[in-house]
């Protein structure tokens, strides 16, 4: 499986999403949001790997 490296901008975006989620929904929900986003990126990675 390929390793997906985040660009600095993508990392900054995830940090901003985390901060927003933490502020508006709490730590548990912020974690869920980030885990789901990272999970989706792994799904994309798997799809690209099979083509």
N, C-alpha and C. Protein backbone atom coordinates (compact mmCIF):
# COMPACT_ATOMS: atom_id res chain seq x y z
N UNK A 1 0.84 -1.18 0.00
CA UNK A 1 0.00 0.00 0.00
C UNK A 1 0.88 1.24 0.00
N UNK A 2 0.47 2.22 -0.75
CA UNK A 2 1.20 3.49 -0.79
C UNK A 2 0.99 4.25 0.51
N UNK A 3 1.96 5.09 0.82
CA UNK A 3 1.83 5.99 1.96
C UNK A 3 1.46 7.36 1.41
N UNK A 4 0.39 7.91 1.95
CA UNK A 4 -0.04 9.24 1.54
C UNK A 4 0.56 10.25 2.50
N UNK A 5 1.31 11.18 1.96
CA UNK A 5 1.89 12.25 2.77
C UNK A 5 1.06 13.50 2.58
N UNK A 6 0.72 14.14 3.68
CA UNK A 6 -0.04 15.38 3.61
C UNK A 6 0.87 16.55 3.30
N UNK A 7 0.39 17.43 2.46
CA UNK A 7 1.13 18.66 2.21
C UNK A 7 1.00 19.55 3.45
N UNK A 8 1.87 20.52 3.60
CA UNK A 8 1.72 21.45 4.72
C UNK A 8 0.34 22.12 4.74
N UNK A 9 -0.19 22.46 3.56
CA UNK A 9 -1.51 23.10 3.48
C UNK A 9 -2.60 22.14 3.95
N UNK A 10 -2.52 20.88 3.54
CA UNK A 10 -3.51 19.89 3.98
C UNK A 10 -3.43 19.70 5.49
N UNK A 11 -2.23 19.67 6.02
CA UNK A 11 -2.06 19.54 7.47
C UNK A 11 -2.66 20.75 8.19
N UNK A 12 -2.42 21.94 7.63
CA UNK A 12 -3.01 23.16 8.21
C UNK A 12 -4.54 23.10 8.16
N UNK A 13 -5.08 22.60 7.05
CA UNK A 13 -6.54 22.48 6.92
C UNK A 13 -7.10 21.51 7.96
N UNK A 14 -6.43 20.38 8.16
CA UNK A 14 -6.89 19.42 9.17
C UNK A 14 -6.82 20.03 10.57
N UNK A 15 -5.79 20.80 10.83
CA UNK A 15 -5.68 21.47 12.12
C UNK A 15 -6.83 22.45 12.31
N UNK A 16 -7.16 23.19 11.25
CA UNK A 16 -8.27 24.14 11.33
C UNK A 16 -9.60 23.42 11.54
N UNK A 17 -9.78 22.29 10.86
CA UNK A 17 -11.00 21.50 11.04
C UNK A 17 -11.07 20.98 12.47
N UNK A 18 -9.95 20.49 12.99
CA UNK A 18 -9.90 20.02 14.38
C UNK A 18 -10.28 21.15 15.34
N UNK A 19 -9.67 22.31 15.16
CA UNK A 19 -9.95 23.45 16.04
C UNK A 19 -11.42 23.84 16.00
N UNK A 20 -11.99 23.88 14.80
CA UNK A 20 -13.41 24.23 14.65
C UNK A 20 -14.28 23.18 15.35
N UNK A 21 -13.99 21.92 15.08
CA UNK A 21 -14.77 20.85 15.70
C UNK A 21 -14.67 20.88 17.22
N UNK A 22 -13.48 21.12 17.73
CA UNK A 22 -13.28 21.19 19.17
C UNK A 22 -14.08 22.33 19.77
N UNK A 23 -14.03 23.49 19.13
CA UNK A 23 -14.72 24.67 19.63
C UNK A 23 -16.24 24.50 19.60
N UNK A 24 -16.75 23.94 18.53
CA UNK A 24 -18.20 23.88 18.33
C UNK A 24 -18.86 22.59 18.81
N UNK A 25 -18.11 21.49 18.84
CA UNK A 25 -18.73 20.20 19.13
C UNK A 25 -18.06 19.41 20.24
N UNK A 26 -16.87 19.82 20.67
CA UNK A 26 -16.16 19.10 21.72
C UNK A 26 -15.11 18.16 21.17
N UNK A 27 -14.25 17.69 22.08
CA UNK A 27 -13.10 16.87 21.69
C UNK A 27 -13.50 15.55 21.04
N UNK A 28 -14.49 14.87 21.60
CA UNK A 28 -14.87 13.56 21.06
C UNK A 28 -15.34 13.68 19.61
N UNK A 29 -16.16 14.68 19.32
CA UNK A 29 -16.66 14.85 17.96
C UNK A 29 -15.56 15.32 17.02
N UNK A 30 -14.66 16.18 17.51
CA UNK A 30 -13.54 16.63 16.68
C UNK A 30 -12.68 15.43 16.27
N UNK A 31 -12.46 14.50 17.19
CA UNK A 31 -11.69 13.30 16.88
C UNK A 31 -12.40 12.46 15.82
N UNK A 32 -13.71 12.31 15.97
CA UNK A 32 -14.48 11.53 14.99
C UNK A 32 -14.37 12.15 13.60
N UNK A 33 -14.48 13.46 13.53
CA UNK A 33 -14.40 14.15 12.24
C UNK A 33 -13.05 13.89 11.58
N UNK A 34 -11.97 14.06 12.33
CA UNK A 34 -10.63 13.86 11.77
C UNK A 34 -10.41 12.40 11.37
N UNK A 35 -10.85 11.48 12.20
CA UNK A 35 -10.71 10.05 11.88
C UNK A 35 -11.45 9.72 10.60
N UNK A 36 -12.64 10.27 10.43
CA UNK A 36 -13.41 10.01 9.20
C UNK A 36 -12.73 10.60 7.98
N UNK A 37 -12.20 11.80 8.11
CA UNK A 37 -11.50 12.41 6.97
C UNK A 37 -10.28 11.57 6.61
N UNK A 38 -9.50 11.18 7.59
CA UNK A 38 -8.31 10.37 7.31
C UNK A 38 -8.70 9.01 6.76
N UNK A 39 -9.80 8.46 7.24
CA UNK A 39 -10.30 7.19 6.70
C UNK A 39 -10.67 7.31 5.23
N UNK A 40 -11.30 8.42 4.87
CA UNK A 40 -11.65 8.64 3.47
C UNK A 40 -10.40 8.75 2.61
N UNK A 41 -9.37 9.40 3.14
CA UNK A 41 -8.13 9.52 2.36
C UNK A 41 -7.50 8.14 2.15
N UNK A 42 -7.64 7.26 3.12
CA UNK A 42 -7.13 5.89 2.95
C UNK A 42 -7.95 5.14 1.90
N UNK A 43 -9.28 5.38 1.87
CA UNK A 43 -10.12 4.76 0.85
C UNK A 43 -9.69 5.20 -0.55
N UNK A 44 -9.40 6.49 -0.70
CA UNK A 44 -8.93 7.01 -1.98
C UNK A 44 -7.59 6.37 -2.33
N UNK A 45 -6.71 6.26 -1.36
CA UNK A 45 -5.41 5.65 -1.58
C UNK A 45 -5.57 4.20 -2.05
N UNK A 46 -6.46 3.45 -1.42
CA UNK A 46 -6.69 2.06 -1.83
C UNK A 46 -7.22 2.00 -3.25
N UNK A 47 -8.14 2.90 -3.59
CA UNK A 47 -8.71 2.93 -4.93
C UNK A 47 -7.62 3.21 -5.97
N UNK A 48 -6.76 4.16 -5.69
CA UNK A 48 -5.68 4.49 -6.63
C UNK A 48 -4.70 3.34 -6.76
N UNK A 49 -4.48 2.63 -5.67
CA UNK A 49 -3.53 1.51 -5.67
C UNK A 49 -4.02 0.38 -6.59
N UNK A 50 -5.32 0.18 -6.66
CA UNK A 50 -5.86 -0.93 -7.44
C UNK A 50 -5.96 -0.61 -8.93
N UNK A 51 -5.78 0.64 -9.30
CA UNK A 51 -5.90 0.98 -10.73
C UNK A 51 -4.58 0.90 -11.43
